[in-house]
Amino acid sequence: MHWEPDVGFDPGSPGSRPGPKAGAKPLRHPGIPSFLIYARQKELQEQGEIRIVQLGFDLDAHGIIFTEDYRTRVLRACDGRPYAGAVQKFLALVLPACGDLSFQQDQMTETFGFRDPEITHLVNAGVLTVRDAGSWWLAVPGAGRFIKYFVKGRQAVLSMVRKAKYRELLLSELLGRRAPASVRLGLTYHVHDLIGAQLVDCVSTTSGTLLRLPET
C-alpha cells in the first residue's frame, strides 16, 4: 500500500467520483515531472487498477492501493467473520463497478441492493468508515496501525531536518543516519512522503540533493 498526502483530489459530494482539487499540491518525485505522475495515476484509476482511500487523519491525506491488493487484504481480514457475506457482496458488486472515494446511502441501497444491516457489517469490517450521516468513505481494514506508524514516522524525519543547521540536510546524509525507533516504515519511505507532500524543498547542489524546510 502506498499513501500519498494531498494527492490533489477533491473527494466531492458523497457518492461522487473524485477529481482534481483546485489549488491542491500535485504529487512530486525528484526527477519526474508531477504532471506525468498525475497522468499515470489517473490512467490507473480509470482502468480500475488502483483505488484512492481517505486516510482519516487529515481531509487532504489520501492513500493509493492496488485494487487486487485491496481485495486480498479485505478478504483476509473478513475470513470466517460474521460480516464476510456482506464484504464479499461489496467486492463483487461495488468494487468493479464504482471507483468512488465515498458512497451515499441511496447509492448503496438502491443501486447495489444493500440493506442497512449489511452496511453496518461493512463498517464493522473496516471496509467503510463514516463520513457523515448517510455517507461513508472507502477504507482499508486494519489501516489504523499503518497510519499511526506513518504519522509518527513523518514527524520524526521532519524533526531530523528541522534540527539540522539552517534547517537543511543533504539527502545522502539523512539516509545514512540511523533511523529513530519511531520510523517503522524506513527513512527512504518518509523522505519520499516529505517531498511528495511539499513539506521539504529539494535543492540541487554540487554535493547532491539538499532537503530544506520551506520558509514560513
Protein backbone atom coordinates (compact mmCIF):
# COMPACT_ATOMS: atom_id res chain seq x y z
CA MET A 1 0.00 0.00 0.00
CA HIS A 2 1.24 3.47 -0.83
CA TRP A 3 -0.01 6.54 0.99
CA GLU A 4 0.17 9.90 -0.72
CA PRO A 5 -0.68 13.01 1.30
CA ASP A 6 -2.62 15.66 -0.61
CA VAL A 7 -2.67 13.83 -3.91
CA GLY A 8 -4.67 16.62 -5.49
CA PHE A 9 -8.11 15.00 -5.40
CA ASP A 10 -11.38 16.57 -4.45
CA PRO A 11 -13.50 13.97 -2.64
CA GLY A 12 -16.59 15.71 -3.97
CA SER A 13 -20.08 15.07 -2.73
CA PRO A 14 -20.98 11.70 -1.21
CA GLY A 15 -21.07 9.08 -3.92
CA SER A 16 -19.26 11.24 -6.47
CA ARG A 17 -16.11 10.27 -8.31
CA PRO A 18 -13.11 12.24 -7.02
CA GLY A 19 -11.48 14.71 -9.37
CA PRO A 20 -8.60 17.21 -9.39
CA LYS A 21 -8.75 19.52 -6.42
CA ALA A 22 -8.47 23.24 -7.10
CA GLY A 23 -5.27 24.64 -5.63
CA ALA A 24 -4.04 21.24 -4.42
CA LYS A 25 -0.36 20.40 -4.35
CA PRO A 26 0.49 17.82 -7.02
CA LEU A 27 2.41 14.67 -6.31
CA ARG A 28 6.14 15.21 -6.57
CA HIS A 29 9.12 12.97 -7.03
CA PRO A 30 12.72 14.03 -7.70
CA GLY A 31 13.45 14.00 -11.42
CA ILE A 32 9.88 13.14 -12.53
CA PRO A 33 7.51 15.92 -13.66
CA SER A 34 4.43 16.00 -11.46
CA PHE A 35 2.07 16.02 -14.44
CA LEU A 36 3.45 12.64 -15.55
CA ILE A 37 2.84 11.18 -12.11
CA TYR A 38 -0.70 12.53 -12.01
CA ALA A 39 -1.44 11.36 -15.56
CA ARG A 40 -0.27 7.84 -14.78
CA GLN A 41 -2.22 7.78 -11.53
CA LYS A 42 -5.38 8.94 -13.31
CA GLU A 43 -4.88 6.30 -16.02
CA LEU A 44 -4.52 3.51 -13.46
CA GLN A 45 -7.56 4.74 -11.58
CA GLU A 46 -9.71 4.82 -14.72
CA GLN A 47 -8.56 1.29 -15.56
CA GLY A 48 -9.59 0.13 -12.10
CA GLU A 49 -6.02 -0.87 -11.23
CA ILE A 50 -5.81 1.35 -8.15
CA ARG A 51 -8.18 2.72 -5.52
CA ILE A 52 -7.99 6.02 -3.66
CA VAL A 53 -8.89 5.90 0.03
CA GLN A 54 -9.29 8.62 2.63
CA LEU A 55 -6.81 8.14 5.47
CA GLY A 56 -8.72 9.88 8.23
CA PHE A 57 -6.02 11.90 10.00
CA ASP A 58 -6.32 14.78 7.50
CA LEU A 59 -9.04 15.54 4.95
CA ASP A 60 -6.32 16.19 2.36
CA ALA A 61 -4.50 12.91 3.07
CA HIS A 62 -5.33 10.04 0.74
CA GLY A 63 -3.91 6.61 0.13
CA ILE A 64 -3.32 4.74 -3.11
CA ILE A 65 -3.66 0.97 -3.12
CA PHE A 66 -3.67 -1.55 -5.96
CA THR A 67 -7.17 -2.93 -6.39
CA GLU A 68 -6.05 -6.55 -6.21
CA ASP A 69 -4.04 -5.83 -3.05
CA TYR A 70 -7.13 -4.20 -1.60
CA ARG A 71 -9.28 -7.20 -2.47
CA THR A 72 -6.74 -9.60 -0.96
CA ARG A 73 -6.41 -7.55 2.21
CA VAL A 74 -10.18 -7.28 2.69
CA LEU A 75 -10.82 -10.99 2.12
CA ARG A 76 -8.08 -11.94 4.56
CA ALA A 77 -9.45 -9.58 7.20
CA CYS A 78 -13.03 -10.86 6.95
CA ASP A 79 -12.29 -14.58 6.59
CA GLY A 80 -14.56 -16.52 8.94
CA ARG A 81 -16.18 -13.38 10.35
CA PRO A 82 -19.97 -12.81 10.58
CA TYR A 83 -19.72 -9.94 8.10
CA ALA A 84 -17.89 -11.99 5.43
CA GLY A 85 -21.03 -12.29 3.26
CA ALA A 86 -21.62 -8.53 3.12
CA VAL A 87 -17.95 -7.90 2.36
CA GLN A 88 -17.90 -10.44 -0.47
CA LYS A 89 -21.05 -8.83 -1.91
CA PHE A 90 -19.33 -5.44 -1.76
CA LEU A 91 -16.25 -6.75 -3.56
CA ALA A 92 -18.33 -8.47 -6.23
CA LEU A 93 -20.84 -5.68 -6.94
CA VAL A 94 -19.43 -2.33 -5.87
CA LEU A 95 -15.67 -2.52 -6.31
CA PRO A 96 -15.65 -3.42 -10.06
CA ALA A 97 -18.46 -1.02 -10.96
CA CYS A 98 -17.67 2.05 -8.90
CA GLY A 99 -14.40 3.93 -8.46
CA ASP A 100 -15.82 6.37 -5.95
CA LEU A 101 -13.91 7.60 -2.94
CA SER A 102 -17.13 7.72 -0.92
CA PHE A 103 -20.63 6.26 -1.08
CA GLN A 104 -24.06 7.52 -0.05
CA GLN A 105 -26.97 5.56 1.33
CA ASP A 106 -29.23 5.81 -1.74
CA GLN A 107 -26.40 4.54 -3.90
CA MET A 108 -25.69 1.60 -1.62
CA THR A 109 -29.33 0.60 -1.11
CA GLU A 110 -30.92 1.38 -4.48
CA THR A 111 -28.06 0.87 -6.93
CA PHE A 112 -26.29 -2.04 -5.26
CA GLY A 113 -29.10 -3.52 -3.16
CA PHE A 114 -27.51 -3.37 0.29
CA ARG A 115 -29.73 -3.43 3.34
CA ASP A 116 -28.92 -1.28 6.37
CA PRO A 117 -27.62 -4.27 8.42
CA GLU A 118 -25.26 -5.15 5.56
CA ILE A 119 -23.88 -1.61 5.51
CA THR A 120 -23.34 -1.88 9.26
CA HIS A 121 -21.40 -5.09 8.60
CA LEU A 122 -19.21 -3.24 6.09
CA VAL A 123 -18.45 -0.56 8.68
CA ASN A 124 -17.67 -3.21 11.32
CA ALA A 125 -15.38 -4.94 8.82
CA GLY A 126 -13.43 -1.72 8.23
CA VAL A 127 -14.36 -1.62 4.54
CA LEU A 128 -16.33 1.61 5.05
CA THR A 129 -15.87 4.39 7.59
CA VAL A 130 -18.49 7.00 8.40
CA ARG A 131 -18.10 10.27 6.50
CA ASP A 132 -21.31 11.87 7.76
CA ALA A 133 -24.95 10.90 8.19
CA GLY A 134 -25.84 8.61 5.30
CA SER A 135 -22.44 8.51 3.61
CA TRP A 136 -19.20 6.55 4.05
CA TRP A 137 -15.58 6.64 2.93
CA LEU A 138 -13.96 3.63 1.31
CA ALA A 139 -11.48 2.26 3.85
CA VAL A 140 -8.86 -0.44 4.32
CA PRO A 141 -9.38 -2.90 7.20
CA GLY A 142 -6.63 -2.64 9.80
CA ALA A 143 -5.15 0.54 8.33
CA GLY A 144 -5.15 2.25 11.73
CA ARG A 145 -1.82 0.75 12.79
CA PHE A 146 -0.19 1.73 9.50
CA ILE A 147 -1.47 5.30 9.78
CA LYS A 148 -0.13 5.51 13.32
CA TYR A 149 3.34 4.46 12.11
CA PHE A 150 3.04 6.79 9.13
CA VAL A 151 2.22 9.90 11.17
CA LYS A 152 4.85 9.24 13.85
CA GLY A 153 7.50 8.46 11.25
CA ARG A 154 6.75 11.60 9.27
CA GLN A 155 7.05 13.73 12.39
CA ALA A 156 10.34 12.08 13.37
CA VAL A 157 12.03 12.51 9.97
CA LEU A 158 10.75 16.07 9.65
CA SER A 159 12.26 16.76 13.07
CA MET A 160 15.64 15.46 11.85
CA VAL A 161 15.65 18.08 9.10
CA ARG A 162 14.31 20.78 11.41
CA LYS A 163 17.10 20.21 13.96
CA ALA A 164 19.86 20.35 11.34
CA LYS A 165 21.92 23.50 10.84
CA TYR A 166 19.98 26.06 8.82
CA ARG A 167 17.08 23.59 8.82
CA GLU A 168 18.53 21.77 5.82
CA LEU A 169 20.20 18.40 5.32
CA LEU A 170 21.79 16.55 2.43
CA LEU A 171 19.63 13.66 1.30
CA SER A 172 22.61 11.29 1.37
CA GLU A 173 23.45 12.32 4.92
CA LEU A 174 19.87 11.84 6.08
CA LEU A 175 19.58 8.40 4.51
CA GLY A 176 22.92 7.42 6.03
CA ARG A 177 21.76 8.13 9.57
CA ARG A 178 20.32 5.59 11.93
CA ALA A 179 16.55 5.85 11.89
CA PRO A 180 14.80 6.71 15.18
CA ALA A 181 12.76 3.92 16.73
CA SER A 182 9.54 5.69 15.69
CA VAL A 183 10.47 5.40 11.99
CA ARG A 184 8.95 1.98 11.41
CA LEU A 185 8.48 2.36 7.65
CA GLY A 186 12.08 3.30 6.83
CA LEU A 187 13.82 6.61 6.15
CA THR A 188 13.53 6.29 2.36
CA TYR A 189 9.76 5.90 2.56
CA HIS A 190 9.34 9.01 4.69
CA VAL A 191 11.73 11.07 2.59
CA HIS A 192 9.52 10.40 -0.45
CA ASP A 193 6.50 11.32 1.68
CA LEU A 194 8.01 14.64 2.78
CA ILE A 195 8.93 15.52 -0.81
CA GLY A 196 5.55 14.50 -2.19
CA ALA A 197 3.69 16.48 0.47
CA GLN A 198 5.96 19.50 -0.15
CA LEU A 199 6.99 19.55 3.49
CA VAL A 200 10.60 19.94 2.32
CA ASP A 201 12.15 21.56 -0.75
CA CYS A 202 14.68 19.69 -2.91
CA VAL A 203 17.69 21.80 -3.86
CA SER A 204 20.33 20.54 -6.29
CA THR A 205 23.89 21.21 -5.10
CA THR A 206 27.37 20.06 -6.11
CA SER A 207 27.26 17.75 -3.06
CA GLY A 208 23.93 16.21 -4.05
CA THR A 209 20.27 16.85 -3.28
CA LEU A 210 19.65 19.07 -0.29
CA LEU A 211 16.43 18.84 1.70
CA ARG A 212 15.39 22.19 3.10
CA LEU A 213 12.40 23.24 5.16
CA PRO A 214 10.32 25.84 3.28
CA GLU A 215 10.30 29.40 4.55
CA THR A 216 7.34 30.04 6.79
